[in-house]
């Protein structure tokens, strides 16, 4: 008896390691710059990302802005969920720029294991069909708890 094996629809050579903690610790612009060559395969000129870091008071703050949208990461003692907000901001900044293309930057995993891959919706769906565990499926980050867009 022969069992059919589903072919994995992902090329993990194109996986981009990110790490949500590093993004939240004032690393969004650095990660965005490193992602530049891969992003330029899909758009001509990536938008500028501006970081806003305030060390002036006892409660530092960090936010980023891009294409007229501000993303609060942490401040005023509110560091809870900064990893989630940084992840959402990073992926939203990129995916807003990809709106006129068939590609999106899909997230994989989360936290320190966070990574991304440029996929079409069709490729993401094929990956979901070939991966047994929902937590391994590519997803688009959201700011809605408890799973923030990740499949469970």
N, C-alpha and C. Protein backbone atom coordinates (compact mmCIF):
# COMPACT_ATOMS: atom_id res chain seq x y z
N UNK A 1 0.84 -1.18 0.00
CA UNK A 1 0.00 0.00 0.00
C UNK A 1 0.89 1.25 0.00
N UNK A 2 0.64 2.12 -0.94
CA UNK A 2 1.43 3.34 -1.06
C UNK A 2 0.63 4.51 -0.53
N UNK A 3 1.27 5.31 0.30
CA UNK A 3 0.60 6.50 0.83
C UNK A 3 1.04 7.71 0.02
N UNK A 4 0.10 8.55 -0.32
CA UNK A 4 0.42 9.78 -1.04
C UNK A 4 1.03 10.77 -0.06
N UNK A 5 2.10 11.39 -0.47
CA UNK A 5 2.76 12.39 0.36
C UNK A 5 2.54 13.74 -0.31
N UNK A 6 2.04 14.69 0.47
CA UNK A 6 1.85 16.04 -0.06
C UNK A 6 3.19 16.73 -0.21
N UNK A 7 3.39 17.37 -1.31
CA UNK A 7 4.64 18.08 -1.55
C UNK A 7 4.60 19.41 -0.81
N UNK A 8 5.66 19.68 -0.08
CA UNK A 8 5.75 20.93 0.66
C UNK A 8 5.87 22.08 -0.33
N UNK A 9 5.05 23.09 -0.15
CA UNK A 9 4.97 24.19 -1.10
C UNK A 9 5.84 25.37 -0.73
N UNK A 10 6.83 25.17 0.12
CA UNK A 10 7.68 26.28 0.55
C UNK A 10 9.14 26.03 0.21
N UNK A 11 9.83 27.10 -0.12
CA UNK A 11 11.27 27.05 -0.34
C UNK A 11 11.91 27.72 0.88
N UNK A 12 12.36 26.92 1.84
CA UNK A 12 12.89 27.48 3.07
C UNK A 12 14.23 28.20 2.88
N UNK A 13 14.81 28.13 1.70
CA UNK A 13 15.98 28.96 1.42
C UNK A 13 15.59 30.44 1.39
N UNK A 14 14.31 30.71 1.20
CA UNK A 14 13.82 32.09 1.14
C UNK A 14 13.27 32.58 2.48
N UNK A 15 13.39 31.76 3.52
CA UNK A 15 12.93 32.13 4.86
C UNK A 15 13.82 33.23 5.42
N UNK A 16 13.18 34.25 5.99
CA UNK A 16 13.90 35.41 6.53
C UNK A 16 13.75 35.38 8.05
N UNK A 17 14.80 35.05 8.81
CA UNK A 17 14.70 35.07 10.27
C UNK A 17 14.57 36.50 10.76
N UNK A 18 13.67 36.72 11.74
CA UNK A 18 13.43 38.08 12.22
C UNK A 18 13.61 38.24 13.73
N UNK A 19 12.89 37.53 14.56
CA UNK A 19 12.95 37.62 16.02
C UNK A 19 12.17 38.84 16.52
N UNK A 20 10.99 38.58 17.06
CA UNK A 20 10.11 39.64 17.54
C UNK A 20 10.72 40.46 18.66
N UNK A 21 11.51 39.84 19.50
CA UNK A 21 12.16 40.58 20.59
C UNK A 21 13.11 41.63 20.03
N UNK A 22 13.91 41.26 19.03
CA UNK A 22 14.83 42.22 18.42
C UNK A 22 14.08 43.35 17.73
N UNK A 23 12.96 43.03 17.07
CA UNK A 23 12.16 44.09 16.45
C UNK A 23 11.68 45.07 17.50
N UNK A 24 11.20 44.56 18.64
CA UNK A 24 10.65 45.41 19.70
C UNK A 24 11.71 46.23 20.41
N UNK A 25 12.94 45.75 20.39
CA UNK A 25 14.03 46.47 21.06
C UNK A 25 14.72 47.41 20.09
N UNK A 26 13.93 48.25 19.46
CA UNK A 26 14.40 49.28 18.54
C UNK A 26 15.14 48.71 17.34
N UNK A 27 14.60 47.59 16.81
CA UNK A 27 15.26 46.94 15.69
C UNK A 27 14.46 46.90 14.40
N UNK A 28 13.34 47.61 14.34
CA UNK A 28 12.51 47.54 13.14
C UNK A 28 13.23 48.13 11.93
N UNK A 29 13.82 49.30 12.07
CA UNK A 29 14.50 49.93 10.93
C UNK A 29 15.68 49.09 10.45
N UNK A 30 16.42 48.52 11.38
CA UNK A 30 17.57 47.68 11.02
C UNK A 30 17.10 46.43 10.25
N UNK A 31 16.06 45.77 10.75
CA UNK A 31 15.53 44.58 10.07
C UNK A 31 14.96 44.95 8.70
N UNK A 32 14.31 46.10 8.62
CA UNK A 32 13.72 46.58 7.37
C UNK A 32 14.83 46.83 6.34
N UNK A 33 15.91 47.43 6.78
CA UNK A 33 17.04 47.68 5.88
C UNK A 33 17.65 46.37 5.39
N UNK A 34 17.78 45.39 6.27
CA UNK A 34 18.34 44.10 5.89
C UNK A 34 17.42 43.36 4.91
N UNK A 35 16.12 43.60 5.03
CA UNK A 35 15.14 42.96 4.16
C UNK A 35 15.07 43.65 2.78
N UNK A 36 15.69 44.82 2.67
CA UNK A 36 15.62 45.63 1.46
C UNK A 36 15.83 44.90 0.14
N UNK A 37 16.91 44.13 0.00
CA UNK A 37 17.12 43.43 -1.28
C UNK A 37 15.98 42.47 -1.65
N UNK A 38 15.45 41.76 -0.67
CA UNK A 38 14.33 40.85 -0.96
C UNK A 38 13.07 41.64 -1.29
N UNK A 39 12.84 42.74 -0.62
CA UNK A 39 11.66 43.57 -0.89
C UNK A 39 11.74 44.20 -2.28
N UNK A 40 12.94 44.58 -2.70
CA UNK A 40 13.12 45.21 -4.02
C UNK A 40 12.84 44.24 -5.17
N UNK A 41 12.73 42.97 -4.90
CA UNK A 41 12.33 42.01 -5.93
C UNK A 41 10.85 42.17 -6.27
N UNK A 42 10.10 42.84 -5.38
CA UNK A 42 8.65 42.96 -5.55
C UNK A 42 8.18 44.39 -5.77
N UNK A 43 8.96 45.36 -5.29
CA UNK A 43 8.64 46.78 -5.51
C UNK A 43 9.93 47.52 -5.87
N UNK A 44 9.79 48.61 -6.57
CA UNK A 44 10.97 49.32 -7.06
C UNK A 44 11.69 50.08 -5.96
N UNK A 45 10.95 50.92 -5.23
CA UNK A 45 11.57 51.78 -4.22
C UNK A 45 10.84 51.60 -2.89
N UNK A 46 11.46 50.92 -1.94
CA UNK A 46 10.83 50.78 -0.62
C UNK A 46 10.68 52.14 0.07
N UNK A 47 9.61 52.28 0.82
CA UNK A 47 9.35 53.51 1.56
C UNK A 47 10.34 53.66 2.71
N UNK A 48 10.49 54.88 3.16
CA UNK A 48 11.38 55.15 4.29
C UNK A 48 10.66 54.84 5.61
N UNK A 49 11.37 54.19 6.50
CA UNK A 49 10.87 53.91 7.85
C UNK A 49 11.62 54.81 8.81
N UNK A 50 10.87 55.52 9.64
CA UNK A 50 11.48 56.41 10.63
C UNK A 50 11.21 55.88 12.03
N UNK A 51 12.27 55.76 12.80
CA UNK A 51 12.13 55.35 14.19
C UNK A 51 12.05 56.59 15.07
N UNK A 52 11.22 56.50 16.09
CA UNK A 52 11.11 57.57 17.08
C UNK A 52 11.42 56.94 18.44
N UNK A 53 12.60 57.30 18.96
CA UNK A 53 13.06 56.77 20.22
C UNK A 53 13.22 57.93 21.19
N UNK A 54 12.58 57.83 22.35
CA UNK A 54 12.65 58.89 23.34
C UNK A 54 13.29 58.34 24.61
N UNK A 55 14.45 58.87 24.94
CA UNK A 55 15.15 58.49 26.17
C UNK A 55 15.03 59.59 27.22
N UNK A 56 14.28 60.64 26.93
CA UNK A 56 14.27 61.84 27.76
C UNK A 56 13.67 61.64 29.14
N UNK A 57 12.80 60.69 29.33
CA UNK A 57 12.17 60.55 30.64
C UNK A 57 12.52 59.19 31.25
N UNK A 58 11.94 58.91 32.39
CA UNK A 58 12.22 57.64 33.07
C UNK A 58 11.56 56.45 32.39
N UNK A 59 10.67 56.71 31.45
CA UNK A 59 9.98 55.64 30.75
C UNK A 59 10.21 55.82 29.25
N UNK A 60 11.27 55.23 28.71
CA UNK A 60 11.57 55.41 27.29
C UNK A 60 10.43 54.91 26.40
N UNK A 61 10.38 55.47 25.20
CA UNK A 61 9.35 55.05 24.26
C UNK A 61 9.97 54.76 22.90
N UNK A 62 9.25 53.95 22.15
CA UNK A 62 9.71 53.56 20.82
C UNK A 62 8.49 53.43 19.92
N UNK A 63 8.57 54.08 18.77
CA UNK A 63 7.54 53.94 17.75
C UNK A 63 8.22 54.09 16.39
N UNK A 64 7.52 53.69 15.37
CA UNK A 64 8.03 53.85 14.01
C UNK A 64 6.91 54.43 13.16
N UNK A 65 7.29 55.06 12.07
CA UNK A 65 6.29 55.55 11.13
C UNK A 65 6.76 55.26 9.71
N UNK A 66 5.77 55.06 8.85
CA UNK A 66 6.04 54.77 7.45
C UNK A 66 4.78 55.06 6.66
N UNK A 67 4.94 55.72 5.55
CA UNK A 67 3.83 56.03 4.65
C UNK A 67 2.66 56.68 5.39
N UNK A 68 2.98 57.61 6.28
CA UNK A 68 1.95 58.36 6.98
C UNK A 68 1.26 57.64 8.12
N UNK A 69 1.73 56.47 8.49
CA UNK A 69 1.11 55.72 9.58
C UNK A 69 2.12 55.55 10.71
N UNK A 70 1.67 55.85 11.93
CA UNK A 70 2.51 55.69 13.11
C UNK A 70 2.18 54.37 13.80
N UNK A 71 3.22 53.71 14.29
CA UNK A 71 3.07 52.44 14.99
C UNK A 71 3.70 52.57 16.37
N UNK A 72 2.89 52.53 17.41
CA UNK A 72 3.36 52.57 18.79
C UNK A 72 3.87 51.17 19.15
N UNK A 73 5.09 51.10 19.64
CA UNK A 73 5.66 49.82 20.05
C UNK A 73 5.65 49.72 21.58
N UNK A 74 6.20 50.72 22.26
CA UNK A 74 6.11 50.77 23.72
C UNK A 74 6.39 52.18 24.22
N UNK A 75 6.00 52.43 25.46
CA UNK A 75 6.25 53.71 26.10
C UNK A 75 5.41 53.87 27.35
N UNK A 76 5.75 54.89 28.14
CA UNK A 76 4.99 55.18 29.37
C UNK A 76 4.75 53.94 30.21
N UNK A 77 5.77 53.09 30.33
CA UNK A 77 5.64 51.89 31.14
C UNK A 77 4.86 50.76 30.48
N UNK A 78 4.39 50.98 29.26
CA UNK A 78 3.60 49.97 28.56
C UNK A 78 4.51 49.15 27.64
N UNK A 79 5.16 48.15 28.22
CA UNK A 79 6.02 47.27 27.43
C UNK A 79 5.34 45.94 27.14
N UNK A 80 4.18 45.73 27.78
CA UNK A 80 3.45 44.50 27.56
C UNK A 80 3.01 44.44 26.09
N UNK A 81 3.18 43.33 25.48
CA UNK A 81 2.81 43.10 24.08
C UNK A 81 3.64 43.92 23.09
N UNK A 82 4.80 44.42 23.51
CA UNK A 82 5.64 45.17 22.57
C UNK A 82 6.12 44.27 21.43
N UNK A 83 6.35 42.99 21.73
CA UNK A 83 6.77 42.06 20.67
C UNK A 83 5.68 41.92 19.63
N UNK A 84 4.44 41.85 20.09
CA UNK A 84 3.29 41.72 19.18
C UNK A 84 3.15 42.98 18.33
N UNK A 85 3.23 44.14 18.97
CA UNK A 85 3.08 45.40 18.23
C UNK A 85 4.22 45.59 17.23
N UNK A 86 5.43 45.20 17.60
CA UNK A 86 6.57 45.33 16.69
C UNK A 86 6.42 44.39 15.50
N UNK A 87 5.98 43.18 15.77
CA UNK A 87 5.75 42.21 14.69
C UNK A 87 4.69 42.73 13.73
N UNK A 88 3.57 43.19 14.29
CA UNK A 88 2.50 43.72 13.43
C UNK A 88 3.01 44.90 12.61
N UNK A 89 3.70 45.84 13.25
CA UNK A 89 4.19 47.03 12.54
C UNK A 89 5.10 46.63 11.39
N UNK A 90 6.05 45.76 11.65
CA UNK A 90 7.01 45.36 10.63
C UNK A 90 6.30 44.76 9.41
N UNK A 91 5.43 43.81 9.66
CA UNK A 91 4.74 43.14 8.55
C UNK A 91 3.75 44.08 7.86
N UNK A 92 3.09 44.93 8.61
CA UNK A 92 2.14 45.87 8.01
C UNK A 92 2.86 46.88 7.12
N UNK A 93 4.00 47.37 7.57
CA UNK A 93 4.78 48.33 6.77
C UNK A 93 5.14 47.70 5.41
N UNK A 94 5.57 46.48 5.43
CA UNK A 94 5.95 45.82 4.19
C UNK A 94 4.74 45.47 3.34
N UNK A 95 3.72 44.91 3.96
CA UNK A 95 2.56 44.46 3.20
C UNK A 95 1.73 45.60 2.63
N UNK A 96 1.74 46.75 3.27
CA UNK A 96 1.07 47.91 2.68
C UNK A 96 1.75 48.31 1.37
N UNK A 97 3.06 48.15 1.31
CA UNK A 97 3.80 48.48 0.09
C UNK A 97 3.60 47.44 -1.01
N UNK A 98 3.24 46.24 -0.62
CA UNK A 98 3.03 45.16 -1.58
C UNK A 98 1.58 45.08 -2.07
N UNK A 99 0.75 46.02 -1.67
CA UNK A 99 -0.69 45.96 -1.95
C UNK A 99 -1.01 45.80 -3.44
N UNK A 100 -0.19 46.35 -4.31
CA UNK A 100 -0.46 46.25 -5.75
C UNK A 100 0.27 45.09 -6.41
N UNK A 101 0.79 44.18 -5.61
CA UNK A 101 1.47 43.00 -6.13
C UNK A 101 0.71 41.77 -5.64
N UNK A 102 0.99 40.61 -6.20
CA UNK A 102 0.34 39.39 -5.70
C UNK A 102 1.01 38.85 -4.43
N UNK A 103 2.10 39.46 -4.00
CA UNK A 103 2.87 38.94 -2.87
C UNK A 103 2.54 39.66 -1.57
N UNK A 104 2.76 38.92 -0.47
CA UNK A 104 2.71 39.47 0.88
C UNK A 104 3.86 38.84 1.64
N UNK A 105 4.31 39.52 2.67
CA UNK A 105 5.29 38.92 3.56
C UNK A 105 4.48 38.20 4.63
N UNK A 106 4.51 36.87 4.59
CA UNK A 106 3.79 36.06 5.56
C UNK A 106 4.73 35.74 6.72
N UNK A 107 4.16 35.70 7.91
CA UNK A 107 4.91 35.37 9.12
C UNK A 107 4.87 33.87 9.36
N UNK A 108 5.90 33.39 10.01
CA UNK A 108 5.98 32.02 10.49
C UNK A 108 6.42 32.08 11.94
N UNK A 109 5.80 31.24 12.76
CA UNK A 109 6.15 31.18 14.17
C UNK A 109 5.89 32.53 14.84
N UNK A 110 6.60 32.79 15.90
CA UNK A 110 6.45 34.04 16.63
C UNK A 110 7.57 34.15 17.64
N UNK A 111 7.57 35.22 18.41
CA UNK A 111 8.59 35.42 19.44
C UNK A 111 9.98 35.38 18.86
N UNK A 112 10.89 34.70 19.56
CA UNK A 112 12.28 34.62 19.10
C UNK A 112 12.43 33.76 17.85
N UNK A 113 11.43 32.98 17.52
CA UNK A 113 11.47 32.10 16.33
C UNK A 113 10.78 32.74 15.12
N UNK A 114 10.37 34.00 15.24
CA UNK A 114 9.66 34.68 14.16
C UNK A 114 10.50 34.74 12.89
N UNK A 115 9.83 34.54 11.78
CA UNK A 115 10.47 34.69 10.48
C UNK A 115 9.41 35.05 9.45
N UNK A 116 9.84 35.31 8.26
CA UNK A 116 8.91 35.67 7.21
C UNK A 116 9.33 35.11 5.87
N UNK A 117 8.36 35.11 4.95
CA UNK A 117 8.63 34.64 3.60
C UNK A 117 7.65 35.34 2.66
N UNK A 118 8.16 35.81 1.54
CA UNK A 118 7.30 36.42 0.53
C UNK A 118 6.58 35.31 -0.22
N UNK A 119 5.25 35.34 -0.17
CA UNK A 119 4.42 34.33 -0.82
C UNK A 119 3.20 34.98 -1.45
N UNK A 120 2.65 34.33 -2.46
CA UNK A 120 1.33 34.72 -2.95
C UNK A 120 0.30 34.05 -2.05
N UNK A 121 -0.94 34.47 -2.14
CA UNK A 121 -2.00 33.83 -1.35
C UNK A 121 -2.11 32.36 -1.72
N UNK A 122 -1.94 32.05 -3.00
CA UNK A 122 -2.01 30.66 -3.46
C UNK A 122 -0.88 29.82 -2.86
N UNK A 123 0.32 30.36 -2.83
CA UNK A 123 1.44 29.64 -2.22
C UNK A 123 1.20 29.41 -0.73
N UNK A 124 0.67 30.42 -0.05
CA UNK A 124 0.38 30.29 1.39
C UNK A 124 -0.67 29.20 1.62
N UNK A 125 -1.68 29.15 0.77
CA UNK A 125 -2.72 28.13 0.91
C UNK A 125 -2.15 26.74 0.65
N UNK A 126 -1.31 26.59 -0.35
CA UNK A 126 -0.69 25.29 -0.62
C UNK A 126 0.20 24.87 0.55
N UNK A 127 0.87 25.82 1.15
CA UNK A 127 1.70 25.51 2.31
C UNK A 127 0.82 25.01 3.46
N UNK A 128 -0.33 25.65 3.66
CA UNK A 128 -1.24 25.22 4.72
C UNK A 128 -1.74 23.79 4.47
N UNK A 129 -1.95 23.46 3.20
CA UNK A 129 -2.41 22.11 2.85
C UNK A 129 -1.31 21.08 3.09
N UNK A 130 -0.06 21.48 3.00
CA UNK A 130 1.04 20.53 3.12
C UNK A 130 1.63 20.44 4.53
N UNK A 131 1.31 21.39 5.39
CA UNK A 131 1.86 21.39 6.75
C UNK A 131 0.82 20.84 7.72
N UNK A 132 1.19 19.84 8.47
CA UNK A 132 0.25 19.14 9.35
C UNK A 132 -0.19 19.99 10.55
N UNK A 133 0.68 20.81 11.08
CA UNK A 133 0.37 21.57 12.30
C UNK A 133 0.00 23.01 11.96
N UNK A 134 -1.16 23.43 12.41
CA UNK A 134 -1.64 24.79 12.12
C UNK A 134 -0.67 25.86 12.59
N UNK A 135 0.02 25.60 13.69
CA UNK A 135 0.96 26.60 14.20
C UNK A 135 2.16 26.80 13.27
N UNK A 136 2.36 25.89 12.31
CA UNK A 136 3.43 26.03 11.32
C UNK A 136 2.98 26.79 10.07
N UNK A 137 1.69 27.05 9.97
CA UNK A 137 1.15 27.68 8.76
C UNK A 137 1.58 29.14 8.65
N UNK A 138 1.81 29.61 7.42
CA UNK A 138 2.09 31.03 7.22
C UNK A 138 0.85 31.86 7.56
N UNK A 139 1.07 33.05 8.15
CA UNK A 139 -0.05 33.90 8.55
C UNK A 139 0.32 35.37 8.40
N UNK A 140 -0.67 36.20 8.43
CA UNK A 140 -0.48 37.65 8.41
C UNK A 140 -0.74 38.17 9.82
N UNK A 141 0.26 38.77 10.47
CA UNK A 141 0.08 39.24 11.84
C UNK A 141 -1.03 40.28 11.98
N UNK A 142 -1.74 40.19 13.10
CA UNK A 142 -2.82 41.12 13.46
C UNK A 142 -2.60 41.57 14.90
N UNK A 143 -3.36 42.54 15.31
CA UNK A 143 -3.28 43.01 16.69
C UNK A 143 -4.44 42.49 17.53
N UNK A 144 -5.00 41.37 17.17
CA UNK A 144 -6.13 40.80 17.90
C UNK A 144 -5.68 39.58 18.69
N UNK A 145 -5.84 39.67 20.02
CA UNK A 145 -5.46 38.54 20.86
C UNK A 145 -6.54 37.48 20.77
N UNK A 146 -6.28 36.25 21.08
CA UNK A 146 -5.08 35.80 21.75
C UNK A 146 -3.96 35.33 20.81
N UNK A 147 -4.23 35.09 19.55
CA UNK A 147 -3.20 34.48 18.69
C UNK A 147 -2.59 35.45 17.68
N UNK A 148 -3.12 36.65 17.56
CA UNK A 148 -2.53 37.71 16.73
C UNK A 148 -2.33 37.29 15.27
N UNK A 149 -3.28 36.52 14.75
CA UNK A 149 -3.26 36.11 13.35
C UNK A 149 -2.71 34.72 13.12
N UNK A 150 -1.96 34.20 14.07
CA UNK A 150 -1.37 32.87 13.89
C UNK A 150 -2.45 31.80 14.05
N UNK A 151 -2.40 30.80 13.20
CA UNK A 151 -3.38 29.72 13.23
C UNK A 151 -3.13 28.80 14.43
N UNK A 152 -4.25 28.32 15.01
CA UNK A 152 -4.17 27.35 16.12
C UNK A 152 -5.27 26.34 16.00
